[in-house]
Every structure is written in structure tokens, then in C-alpha cells.
Amino acid sequence: MVELQRDKIFVPSGVQGKLKIVLHDVSGTLIRALGTIERRGYDYRDVHCTQRVDGDFDLLVHIEDTGGPSNLDTLCKQLERLYNVVSAEKVGKRKHAERA
């Protein structure tokens, strides 16, 4: 009799952040980018897409770890390999300007 291997128990790493992805074409590329994020073990929240003056689209995605690698740079490199993705980068938290 063959024994089935048990699934590994998932322990979230607590990785979360915001990515800025620049797309040439929003129709199919948006679905491919979000699908890649999900398949790599992240859950996306707060998706915001705006069109730039040059015709490209800025996609801002807040992601949370659901089993993905703890390094978001790897995810950015994987996203940049997708067709019609110009760039993908982490967006850090901005410091508030001090008031005089």
C-alpha cells in the first residue's frame, strides 16, 4: 500500500509590503501579474491602477505573505519576466515631512 505524504504545515513569515509594477498594456498583463503574485504565495490587497501620461499603467499592490519567499526582490524579478511588464519594485514607507 502506498502512503500519501502529508502537507507541510504553513508558518507565515509575516512579510508584507507594497509593490509598484509598470505595465505596457493593462488588459491581460494585469491578470498575469496578480496571478503570479498569488501563485508565488502572496495575497494581494489594495490594488490601485492608474494610467500615466506616456500610456503605460502604474499598478500599486499591497501584498501579504501566505506562504511565499521572505524576499520580495525575488517576486519583483519574477514579475519583470512577464510580457508587457516594464518594471517591478518595492515601494517603501515615506517619512512625513517635518513642519516648521
PDB file of N, CA and C in Angstrom:
ATOM      1  N   MET A   1       0.833  -1.173   0.000  1.00  0.00           N
ATOM      2  CA  MET A   1       0.000   0.000   0.000  1.00  0.00           C
ATOM      3  C   MET A   1       0.885   1.246   0.000  1.00  0.00           C
ATOM      4  N   VAL A   2       0.494   2.242  -0.766  1.00  0.00           N
ATOM      5  CA  VAL A   2       1.250   3.482  -0.887  1.00  0.00           C
ATOM      6  C   VAL A   2       0.717   4.501   0.117  1.00  0.00           C
ATOM      7  N   GLU A   3       1.640   5.092   0.869  1.00  0.00           N
ATOM      8  CA  GLU A   3       1.243   6.125   1.816  1.00  0.00           C
ATOM      9  C   GLU A   3       1.412   7.496   1.173  1.00  0.00           C
ATOM     10  N   LEU A   4       0.426   8.330   1.359  1.00  0.00           N
ATOM     11  CA  LEU A   4       0.496   9.680   0.826  1.00  0.00           C
ATOM     12  C   LEU A   4       1.280  10.575   1.774  1.00  0.00           C
ATOM     13  N   GLN A   5       2.045  11.483   1.201  1.00  0.00           N
ATOM     14  CA  GLN A   5       2.816  12.414   2.006  1.00  0.00           C
ATOM     15  C   GLN A   5       1.901  13.516   2.537  1.00  0.00           C
ATOM     16  N   ARG A   6       2.051  13.833   3.795  1.00  0.00           N
ATOM     17  CA  ARG A   6       1.249  14.897   4.392  1.00  0.00           C
ATOM     18  C   ARG A   6       1.737  16.260   3.928  1.00  0.00           C
ATOM     19  N   ASP A   7       0.803  17.180   3.856  1.00  0.00           N
ATOM     20  CA  ASP A   7       1.162  18.556   3.512  1.00  0.00           C
ATOM     21  C   ASP A   7       1.997  19.161   4.629  1.00  0.00           C
ATOM     22  N   LYS A   8       2.934  20.003   4.238  1.00  0.00           N
ATOM     23  CA  LYS A   8       3.736  20.707   5.235  1.00  0.00           C
ATOM     24  C   LYS A   8       2.862  21.758   5.913  1.00  0.00           C
ATOM     25  N   ILE A   9       3.097  21.964   7.172  1.00  0.00           N
ATOM     26  CA  ILE A   9       2.339  22.964   7.914  1.00  0.00           C
ATOM     27  C   ILE A   9       2.886  24.338   7.556  1.00  0.00           C
ATOM     28  N   PHE A  10       1.994  25.230   7.180  1.00  0.00           N
ATOM     29  CA  PHE A  10       2.385  26.570   6.763  1.00  0.00           C
ATOM     30  C   PHE A  10       2.584  27.469   7.970  1.00  0.00           C
ATOM     31  N   VAL A  11       3.724  28.114   7.984  1.00  0.00           N
ATOM     32  CA  VAL A  11       4.008  29.109   9.005  1.00  0.00           C
ATOM     33  C   VAL A  11       4.301  30.422   8.281  1.00  0.00           C
ATOM     34  N   PRO A  12       3.404  31.407   8.375  1.00  0.00           N
ATOM     35  CA  PRO A  12       3.626  32.662   7.662  1.00  0.00           C
ATOM     36  C   PRO A  12       4.866  33.387   8.171  1.00  0.00           C
ATOM     37  N   SER A  13       5.597  33.990   7.245  1.00  0.00           N
ATOM     38  CA  SER A  13       6.820  34.703   7.615  1.00  0.00           C
ATOM     39  C   SER A  13       6.540  36.135   8.048  1.00  0.00           C
ATOM     40  N   GLY A  14       5.333  36.616   7.814  1.00  0.00           N
ATOM     41  CA  GLY A  14       4.985  37.972   8.206  1.00  0.00           C
ATOM     42  C   GLY A  14       5.432  39.035   7.220  1.00  0.00           C
ATOM     43  N   VAL A  15       5.877  38.605   6.040  1.00  0.00           N
ATOM     44  CA  VAL A  15       6.322  39.560   5.028  1.00  0.00           C
ATOM     45  C   VAL A  15       5.116  40.280   4.452  1.00  0.00           C
ATOM     46  N   GLN A  16       5.209  41.577   4.373  1.00  0.00           N
ATOM     47  CA  GLN A  16       4.185  42.370   3.705  1.00  0.00           C
ATOM     48  C   GLN A  16       4.849  43.618   3.151  1.00  0.00           C
ATOM     49  N   GLY A  17       4.238  44.189   2.164  1.00  0.00           N
ATOM     50  CA  GLY A  17       4.816  45.377   1.561  1.00  0.00           C
ATOM     51  C   GLY A  17       3.975  45.855   0.404  1.00  0.00           C
ATOM     52  N   LYS A  18       4.480  46.873  -0.266  1.00  0.00           N
ATOM     53  CA  LYS A  18       3.774  47.444  -1.401  1.00  0.00           C
ATOM     54  C   LYS A  18       4.695  47.373  -2.608  1.00  0.00           C
ATOM     55  N   LEU A  19       4.145  46.934  -3.732  1.00  0.00           N
ATOM     56  CA  LEU A  19       4.896  46.847  -4.975  1.00  0.00           C
ATOM     57  C   LEU A  19       4.346  47.844  -5.979  1.00  0.00           C
ATOM     58  N   LYS A  20       5.246  48.426  -6.763  1.00  0.00           N
ATOM     59  CA  LYS A  20       4.858  49.277  -7.885  1.00  0.00           C
ATOM     60  C   LYS A  20       5.273  48.541  -9.149  1.00  0.00           C
ATOM     61  N   ILE A  21       4.287  48.232  -9.987  1.00  0.00           N
ATOM     62  CA  ILE A  21       4.524  47.494 -11.217  1.00  0.00           C
ATOM     63  C   ILE A  21       4.084  48.383 -12.375  1.00  0.00           C
ATOM     64  N   VAL A  22       4.967  48.586 -13.342  1.00  0.00           N
ATOM     65  CA  VAL A  22       4.649  49.397 -14.518  1.00  0.00           C
ATOM     66  C   VAL A  22       4.321  48.452 -15.666  1.00  0.00           C
ATOM     67  N   LEU A  23       3.134  48.643 -16.265  1.00  0.00           N
ATOM     68  CA  LEU A  23       2.637  47.765 -17.326  1.00  0.00           C
ATOM     69  C   LEU A  23       2.479  48.545 -18.631  1.00  0.00           C
ATOM     70  N   HIS A  24       2.795  47.874 -19.772  1.00  0.00           N
ATOM     71  CA  HIS A  24       2.534  48.482 -21.086  1.00  0.00           C
ATOM     72  C   HIS A  24       1.053  48.414 -21.423  1.00  0.00           C
ATOM     73  N   ASP A  25       0.467  47.257 -21.208  1.00  0.00           N
ATOM     74  CA  ASP A  25      -0.932  47.014 -21.569  1.00  0.00           C
ATOM     75  C   ASP A  25      -1.621  46.451 -20.341  1.00  0.00           C
ATOM     76  N   VAL A  26      -2.751  47.009 -19.974  1.00  0.00           N
ATOM     77  CA  VAL A  26      -3.369  46.631 -18.712  1.00  0.00           C
ATOM     78  C   VAL A  26      -4.272  45.405 -18.815  1.00  0.00           C
ATOM     79  N   SER A  27      -4.821  45.122 -19.989  1.00  0.00           N
ATOM     80  CA  SER A  27      -5.868  44.095 -20.092  1.00  0.00           C
ATOM     81  C   SER A  27      -5.409  42.718 -19.609  1.00  0.00           C
ATOM     82  N   GLY A  28      -4.545  42.052 -20.320  1.00  0.00           N
ATOM     83  CA  GLY A  28      -4.110  40.716 -19.920  1.00  0.00           C
ATOM     84  C   GLY A  28      -2.965  40.731 -18.938  1.00  0.00           C
ATOM     85  N   THR A  29      -2.158  41.779 -18.988  1.00  0.00           N
ATOM     86  CA  THR A  29      -0.983  41.856 -18.131  1.00  0.00           C
ATOM     87  C   THR A  29      -1.370  42.008 -16.667  1.00  0.00           C
ATOM     88  N   LEU A  30      -2.436  42.722 -16.395  1.00  0.00           N
ATOM     89  CA  LEU A  30      -2.913  42.888 -15.025  1.00  0.00           C
ATOM     90  C   LEU A  30      -3.273  41.540 -14.414  1.00  0.00           C
ATOM     91  N   ILE A  31      -3.999  40.727 -15.161  1.00  0.00           N
ATOM     92  CA  ILE A  31      -4.395  39.399 -14.669  1.00  0.00           C
ATOM     93  C   ILE A  31      -3.170  38.512 -14.470  1.00  0.00           C
ATOM     94  N   ARG A  32      -2.207  38.569 -15.403  1.00  0.00           N
ATOM     95  CA  ARG A  32      -0.992  37.757 -15.274  1.00  0.00           C
ATOM     96  C   ARG A  32      -0.167  38.184 -14.065  1.00  0.00           C
ATOM     97  N   ALA A  33      -0.061  39.494 -13.828  1.00  0.00           N
ATOM     98  CA  ALA A  33       0.721  39.987 -12.691  1.00  0.00           C
ATOM     99  C   ALA A  33       0.085  39.576 -11.360  1.00  0.00           C
ATOM    100  N   LEU A  34      -1.221  39.769 -11.231  1.00  0.00           N
ATOM    101  CA  LEU A  34      -1.902  39.384  -9.986  1.00  0.00           C
ATOM    102  C   LEU A  34      -1.881  37.876  -9.788  1.00  0.00           C
ATOM    103  N   GLY A  35      -2.004  37.123 -10.873  1.00  0.00           N
ATOM    104  CA  GLY A  35      -1.930  35.660 -10.786  1.00  0.00           C
ATOM    105  C   GLY A  35      -0.561  35.189 -10.344  1.00  0.00           C
ATOM    106  N   THR A  36       0.494  35.841 -10.832  1.00  0.00           N
ATOM    107  CA  THR A  36       1.857  35.488 -10.428  1.00  0.00           C
ATOM    108  C   THR A  36       2.064  35.766  -8.948  1.00  0.00           C
ATOM    109  N   ILE A  37       1.577  36.897  -8.479  1.00  0.00           N
ATOM    110  CA  ILE A  37       1.694  37.230  -7.055  1.00  0.00           C
ATOM    111  C   ILE A  37       1.013  36.159  -6.210  1.00  0.00           C
ATOM    112  N   GLU A  38      -0.174  35.756  -6.617  1.00  0.00           N
ATOM    113  CA  GLU A  38      -0.936  34.763  -5.857  1.00  0.00           C
ATOM    114  C   GLU A  38      -0.278  33.383  -5.906  1.00  0.00           C
ATOM    115  N   ARG A  39       0.202  32.986  -7.081  1.00  0.00           N
ATOM    116  CA  ARG A  39       0.831  31.667  -7.219  1.00  0.00           C
ATOM    117  C   ARG A  39       2.159  31.577  -6.487  1.00  0.00           C
ATOM    118  N   ARG A  40       2.807  32.705  -6.250  1.00  0.00           N
ATOM    119  CA  ARG A  40       4.087  32.711  -5.534  1.00  0.00           C
ATOM    120  C   ARG A  40       3.901  32.719  -4.020  1.00  0.00           C
ATOM    121  N   GLY A  41       2.660  32.690  -3.563  1.00  0.00           N
ATOM    122  CA  GLY A  41       2.409  32.554  -2.131  1.00  0.00           C
ATOM    123  C   GLY A  41       2.089  33.840  -1.407  1.00  0.00           C
ATOM    124  N   TYR A  42       1.609  34.830  -2.136  1.00  0.00           N
ATOM    125  CA  TYR A  42       1.233  36.094  -1.512  1.00  0.00           C
ATOM    126  C   TYR A  42      -0.240  36.366  -1.764  1.00  0.00           C
ATOM    127  N   ASP A  43      -0.833  37.137  -0.884  1.00  0.00           N
ATOM    128  CA  ASP A  43      -2.214  37.570  -1.038  1.00  0.00           C
ATOM    129  C   ASP A  43      -2.171  39.064  -1.308  1.00  0.00           C
ATOM    130  N   TYR A  44      -2.861  39.502  -2.351  1.00  0.00           N
ATOM    131  CA  TYR A  44      -2.816  40.925  -2.678  1.00  0.00           C
ATOM    132  C   TYR A  44      -4.024  41.644  -2.101  1.00  0.00           C
ATOM    133  N   ARG A  45      -3.761  42.850  -1.633  1.00  0.00           N
ATOM    134  CA  ARG A  45      -4.774  43.724  -1.051  1.00  0.00           C
ATOM    135  C   ARG A  45      -4.572  45.117  -1.639  1.00  0.00           C
ATOM    136  N   ASP A  46      -5.577  45.913  -1.632  1.00  0.00           N
ATOM    137  CA  ASP A  46      -5.473  47.316  -2.024  1.00  0.00           C
ATOM    138  C   ASP A  46      -4.774  47.485  -3.376  1.00  0.00           C
ATOM    139  N   VAL A  47      -5.404  46.998  -4.432  1.00  0.00           N
ATOM    140  CA  VAL A  47      -4.875  47.101  -5.789  1.00  0.00           C
ATOM    141  C   VAL A  47      -5.353  48.418  -6.398  1.00  0.00           C
ATOM    142  N   HIS A  48      -4.403  49.211  -6.901  1.00  0.00           N
ATOM    143  CA  HIS A  48      -4.732  50.522  -7.469  1.00  0.00           C
ATOM    144  C   HIS A  48      -3.975  50.688  -8.784  1.00  0.00           C
ATOM    145  N   CYS A  49      -4.694  50.970  -9.868  1.00  0.00           N
ATOM    146  CA  CYS A  49      -4.086  51.097 -11.190  1.00  0.00           C
ATOM    147  C   CYS A  49      -4.433  52.460 -11.789  1.00  0.00           C
ATOM    148  N   THR A  50      -3.408  53.184 -12.258  1.00  0.00           N
ATOM    149  CA  THR A  50      -3.619  54.482 -12.899  1.00  0.00           C
ATOM    150  C   THR A  50      -2.828  54.538 -14.199  1.00  0.00           C
ATOM    151  N   GLN A  51      -3.359  55.281 -15.172  1.00  0.00           N
ATOM    152  CA  GLN A  51      -2.670  55.427 -16.449  1.00  0.00           C
ATOM    153  C   GLN A  51      -1.742  56.635 -16.403  1.00  0.00           C
ATOM    154  N   ARG A  52      -0.532  56.440 -16.914  1.00  0.00           N
ATOM    155  CA  ARG A  52       0.461  57.505 -16.952  1.00  0.00           C
ATOM    156  C   ARG A  52       0.316  58.324 -18.224  1.00  0.00           C
ATOM    157  N   VAL A  53       1.010  59.441 -18.293  1.00  0.00           N
ATOM    158  CA  VAL A  53       0.967  60.321 -19.457  1.00  0.00           C
ATOM    159  C   VAL A  53       1.499  59.610 -20.700  1.00  0.00           C
ATOM    160  N   ASP A  54       2.526  58.755 -20.529  1.00  0.00           N
ATOM    161  CA  ASP A  54       3.128  58.063 -21.673  1.00  0.00           C
ATOM    162  C   ASP A  54       2.313  56.860 -22.152  1.00  0.00           C
ATOM    163  N   GLY A  55       1.177  56.585 -21.528  1.00  0.00           N
ATOM    164  CA  GLY A  55       0.313  55.489 -21.955  1.00  0.00           C
ATOM    165  C   GLY A  55       0.479  54.212 -21.155  1.00  0.00           C
ATOM    166  N   ASP A  56       1.588  54.086 -20.413  1.00  0.00           N
ATOM    167  CA  ASP A  56       1.776  52.921 -19.556  1.00  0.00           C
ATOM    168  C   ASP A  56       0.878  53.046 -18.326  1.00  0.00           C
ATOM    169  N   PHE A  57       0.827  51.976 -17.541  1.00  0.00           N
ATOM    170  CA  PHE A  57      -0.011  51.952 -16.349  1.00  0.00           C
ATOM    171  C   PHE A  57       0.839  51.684 -15.119  1.00  0.00           C
ATOM    172  N   ASP A  58       0.573  52.402 -14.038  1.00  0.00           N
ATOM    173  CA  ASP A  58       1.187  52.139 -12.738  1.00  0.00           C
ATOM    174  C   ASP A  58       0.219  51.297 -11.925  1.00  0.00           C
ATOM    175  N   LEU A  59       0.698  50.160 -11.467  1.00  0.00           N
ATOM    176  CA  LEU A  59      -0.101  49.265 -10.637  1.00  0.00           C
ATOM    177  C   LEU A  59       0.532  49.226  -9.257  1.00  0.00           C
ATOM    178  N   LEU A  60      -0.190  49.692  -8.238  1.00  0.00           N
ATOM    179  CA  LEU A  60       0.276  49.628  -6.855  1.00  0.00           C
ATOM    180  C   LEU A  60      -0.487  48.517  -6.152  1.00  0.00           C
ATOM    181  N   VAL A  61       0.252  47.577  -5.572  1.00  0.00           N
ATOM    182  CA  VAL A  61      -0.360  46.413  -4.941  1.00  0.00           C
ATOM    183  C   VAL A  61       0.220  46.237  -3.547  1.00  0.00           C
ATOM    184  N   HIS A  62      -0.636  46.202  -2.541  1.00  0.00           N
ATOM    185  CA  HIS A  62      -0.204  45.877  -1.182  1.00  0.00           C
ATOM    186  C   HIS A  62      -0.327  44.370  -1.030  1.00  0.00           C
ATOM    187  N   ILE A  63       0.775  43.699  -0.662  1.00  0.00           N
ATOM    188  CA  ILE A  63       0.752  42.241  -0.567  1.00  0.00           C
ATOM    189  C   ILE A  63       1.060  41.786   0.853  1.00  0.00           C
ATOM    190  N   GLU A  64       0.529  40.608   1.181  1.00  0.00           N
ATOM    191  CA  GLU A  64       0.782  39.972   2.472  1.00  0.00           C
ATOM    192  C   GLU A  64       1.169  38.529   2.226  1.00  0.00           C
ATOM    193  N   ASP A  65       2.055  38.022   3.059  1.00  0.00           N
ATOM    194  CA  ASP A  65       2.573  36.667   2.920  1.00  0.00           C
ATOM    195  C   ASP A  65       1.519  35.626   3.253  1.00  0.00           C
ATOM    196  N   THR A  66       1.376  34.645   2.365  1.00  0.00           N
ATOM    197  CA  THR A  66       0.553  33.465   2.658  1.00  0.00           C
ATOM    198  C   THR A  66       1.344  32.203   2.350  1.00  0.00           C
ATOM    199  N   GLY A  67       2.656  32.300   2.344  1.00  0.00           N
ATOM    200  CA  GLY A  67       3.495  31.138   2.079  1.00  0.00           C
ATOM    201  C   GLY A  67       4.584  31.381   1.066  1.00  0.00           C
ATOM    202  N   GLY A  68       4.774  32.614   0.671  1.00  0.00           N
ATOM    203  CA  GLY A  68       5.777  32.931  -0.335  1.00  0.00           C
ATOM    204  C   GLY A  68       7.157  33.092   0.272  1.00  0.00           C
ATOM    205  N   PRO A  69       8.159  33.308  -0.603  1.00  0.00           N
ATOM    206  CA  PRO A  69       9.509  33.534  -0.101  1.00  0.00           C
ATOM    207  C   PRO A  69       9.573  34.824   0.709  1.00  0.00           C
ATOM    208  N   SER A  70      10.510  34.880   1.646  1.00  0.00           N
ATOM    209  CA  SER A  70      10.580  36.050   2.526  1.00  0.00           C
ATOM    210  C   SER A  70      11.258  37.246   1.865  1.00  0.00           C
ATOM    211  N   ASN A  71      11.732  37.089   0.636  1.00  0.00           N
ATOM    212  CA  ASN A  71      12.414  38.173  -0.058  1.00  0.00           C
ATOM    213  C   ASN A  71      11.545  38.675  -1.205  1.00  0.00           C
ATOM    214  N   LEU A  72      11.084  39.898  -1.126  1.00  0.00           N
ATOM    215  CA  LEU A  72      10.224  40.457  -2.166  1.00  0.00           C
ATOM    216  C   LEU A  72      10.987  40.780  -3.446  1.00  0.00           C
ATOM    217  N   ASP A  73      12.328  40.872  -3.378  1.00  0.00           N
ATOM    218  CA  ASP A  73      13.117  41.118  -4.585  1.00  0.00           C
ATOM    219  C   ASP A  73      12.966  39.969  -5.574  1.00  0.00           C
ATOM    220  N   THR A  74      12.866  38.752  -5.070  1.00  0.00           N
ATOM    221  CA  THR A  74      12.664  37.587  -5.934  1.00  0.00           C
ATOM    222  C   THR A  74      11.338  37.697  -6.663  1.00  0.00           C
ATOM    223  N   LEU A  75      10.303  38.097  -5.969  1.00  0.00           N
ATOM    224  CA  LEU A  75       8.991  38.275  -6.592  1.00  0.00           C
ATOM    225  C   LEU A  75       9.047  39.366  -7.661  1.00  0.00           C
ATOM    226  N   CYS A  76       9.753  40.455  -7.392  1.00  0.00           N
ATOM    227  CA  CYS A  76       9.872  41.541  -8.378  1.00  0.00           C
ATOM    228  C   CYS A  76      10.562  41.049  -9.645  1.00  0.00           C
ATOM    229  N   LYS A  77      11.606  40.251  -9.503  1.00  0.00           N
ATOM    230  CA  LYS A  77      12.307  39.711 -10.671  1.00  0.00           C
ATOM    231  C   LYS A  77      11.394  38.795 -11.481  1.00  0.00           C
ATOM    232  N   GLN A  78      10.580  38.000 -10.790  1.00  0.00           N
ATOM    233  CA  GLN A  78       9.646  37.113 -11.483  1.00  0.00           C
ATOM    234  C   GLN A  78       8.584  37.914 -12.221  1.00  0.00           C
ATOM    235  N   LEU A  79       8.117  38.996 -11.632  1.00  0.00           N
ATOM    236  CA  LEU A  79       7.117  39.841 -12.287  1.00  0.00           C
ATOM    237  C   LEU A  79       7.696  40.536 -13.520  1.00  0.00           C
ATOM    238  N   GLU A  80       8.960  40.948 -13.449  1.00  0.00           N
ATOM    239  CA  GLU A  80       9.585  41.638 -14.577  1.00  0.00           C
ATOM    240  C   GLU A  80       9.756  40.735 -15.794  1.00  0.00           C
ATOM    241  N   ARG A  81       9.712  39.438 -15.600  1.00  0.00           N
ATOM    242  CA  ARG A  81       9.824  38.494 -16.717  1.00  0.00           C
ATOM    243  C   ARG A  81       8.527  38.353 -17.506  1.00  0.00           C
ATOM    244  N   LEU A  82       7.437  38.850 -16.959  1.00  0.00           N
ATOM    245  CA  LEU A  82       6.151  38.731 -17.643  1.00  0.00           C
ATOM    246  C   LEU A  82       6.090  39.660 -18.852  1.00  0.00           C
ATOM    247  N   TYR A  83       5.373  39.214 -19.872  1.00  0.00           N
ATOM    248  CA  TYR A  83       5.197  40.002 -21.090  1.00  0.00           C
ATOM    249  C   TYR A  83       4.444  41.294 -20.773  1.00  0.00           C
ATOM    250  N   ASN A  84       4.901  42.408 -21.298  1.00  0.00           N
ATOM    251  CA  ASN A  84       4.327  43.747 -21.123  1.00  0.00           C
ATOM    252  C   ASN A  84       4.522  44.341 -19.732  1.00  0.00           C
ATOM    253  N   VAL A  85       5.366  43.734 -18.896  1.00  0.00           N
ATOM    254  CA  VAL A  85       5.715  44.342 -17.611  1.00  0.00           C
ATOM    255  C   VAL A  85       7.024  45.098 -17.805  1.00  0.00           C
ATOM    256  N   VAL A  86       6.993  46.396 -17.595  1.00  0.00           N
ATOM    257  CA  VAL A  86       8.175  47.238 -17.787  1.00  0.00           C
ATOM    258  C   VAL A  86       9.114  47.122 -16.591  1.00  0.00           C
ATOM    259  N   SER A  87       8.562  47.241 -15.386  1.00  0.00           N
ATOM    260  CA  SER A  87       9.379  47.158 -14.176  1.00  0.00           C
ATOM    261  C   SER A  87       8.512  46.768 -12.987  1.00  0.00           C
ATOM    262  N   ALA A  88       9.177  46.261 -11.959  1.00  0.00           N
ATOM    263  CA  ALA A  88       8.513  45.919 -10.697  1.00  0.00           C
ATOM    264  C   ALA A  88       9.497  46.221  -9.574  1.00  0.00           C
ATOM    265  N   GLU A  89       9.030  46.950  -8.566  1.00  0.00           N
ATOM    266  CA  GLU A  89       9.912  47.315  -7.463  1.00  0.00           C
ATOM    267  C   GLU A  89       9.128  47.456  -6.167  1.00  0.00           C
ATOM    268  N   LYS A  90       9.855  47.291  -5.057  1.00  0.00           N
ATOM    269  CA  LYS A  90       9.254  47.520  -3.747  1.00  0.00           C
ATOM    270  C   LYS A  90       9.133  49.015  -3.515  1.00  0.00           C
ATOM    271  N   VAL A  91       8.057  49.410  -2.871  1.00  0.00           N
ATOM    272  CA  VAL A  91       7.857  50.812  -2.520  1.00  0.00           C
ATOM    273  C   VAL A  91       7.903  50.890  -1.005  1.00  0.00           C
ATOM    274  N   GLY A  92       8.832  51.692  -0.483  1.00  0.00           N
ATOM    275  CA  GLY A  92       8.976  51.819   0.958  1.00  0.00           C
ATOM    276  C   GLY A  92       8.025  52.842   1.531  1.00  0.00           C
ATOM    277  N   LYS A  93       7.968  52.855   2.830  1.00  0.00           N
ATOM    278  CA  LYS A  93       7.136  53.843   3.513  1.00  0.00           C
ATOM    279  C   LYS A  93       7.835  55.187   3.463  1.00  0.00           C
ATOM    280  N   ARG A  94       7.079  56.195   3.138  1.00  0.00           N
ATOM    281  CA  ARG A  94       7.637  57.542   3.089  1.00  0.00           C
ATOM    282  C   ARG A  94       7.633  58.155   4.479  1.00  0.00           C
ATOM    283  N   LYS A  95       8.679  58.900   4.761  1.00  0.00           N
ATOM    284  CA  LYS A  95       8.732  59.619   6.031  1.00  0.00           C
ATOM    285  C   LYS A  95       7.964  60.920   5.873  1.00  0.00           C
ATOM    286  N   HIS A  96       7.216  61.268   6.875  1.00  0.00           N
ATOM    287  CA  HIS A  96       6.456  62.517   6.833  1.00  0.00           C
ATOM    288  C   HIS A  96       7.411  63.703   6.956  1.00  0.00           C
ATOM    289  N   ALA A  97       7.153  64.728   6.188  1.00  0.00           N
ATOM    290  CA  ALA A  97       7.984  65.935   6.242  1.00  0.00           C
ATOM    291  C   ALA A  97       7.736  66.662   7.560  1.00  0.00           C
ATOM    292  N   GLU A  98       8.810  67.146   8.110  1.00  0.00           N
ATOM    293  CA  GLU A  98       8.681  67.892   9.359  1.00  0.00           C
ATOM    294  C   GLU A  98       8.152  69.282   9.058  1.00  0.00           C
ATOM    295  N   ARG A  99       7.252  69.722   9.881  1.00  0.00           N
ATOM    296  CA  ARG A  99       6.684  71.057   9.701  1.00  0.00           C
ATOM    297  C   ARG A  99       7.472  72.065  10.518  1.00  0.00           C
ATOM    298  N   ALA A 100       7.692  73.230   9.927  1.00  0.00           N
ATOM    299  CA  ALA A 100       8.465  74.273  10.618  1.00  0.00           C
ATOM    300  C   ALA A 100       7.599  75.067  11.561  1.00  0.00           C
TER     301      ALA A 100
END
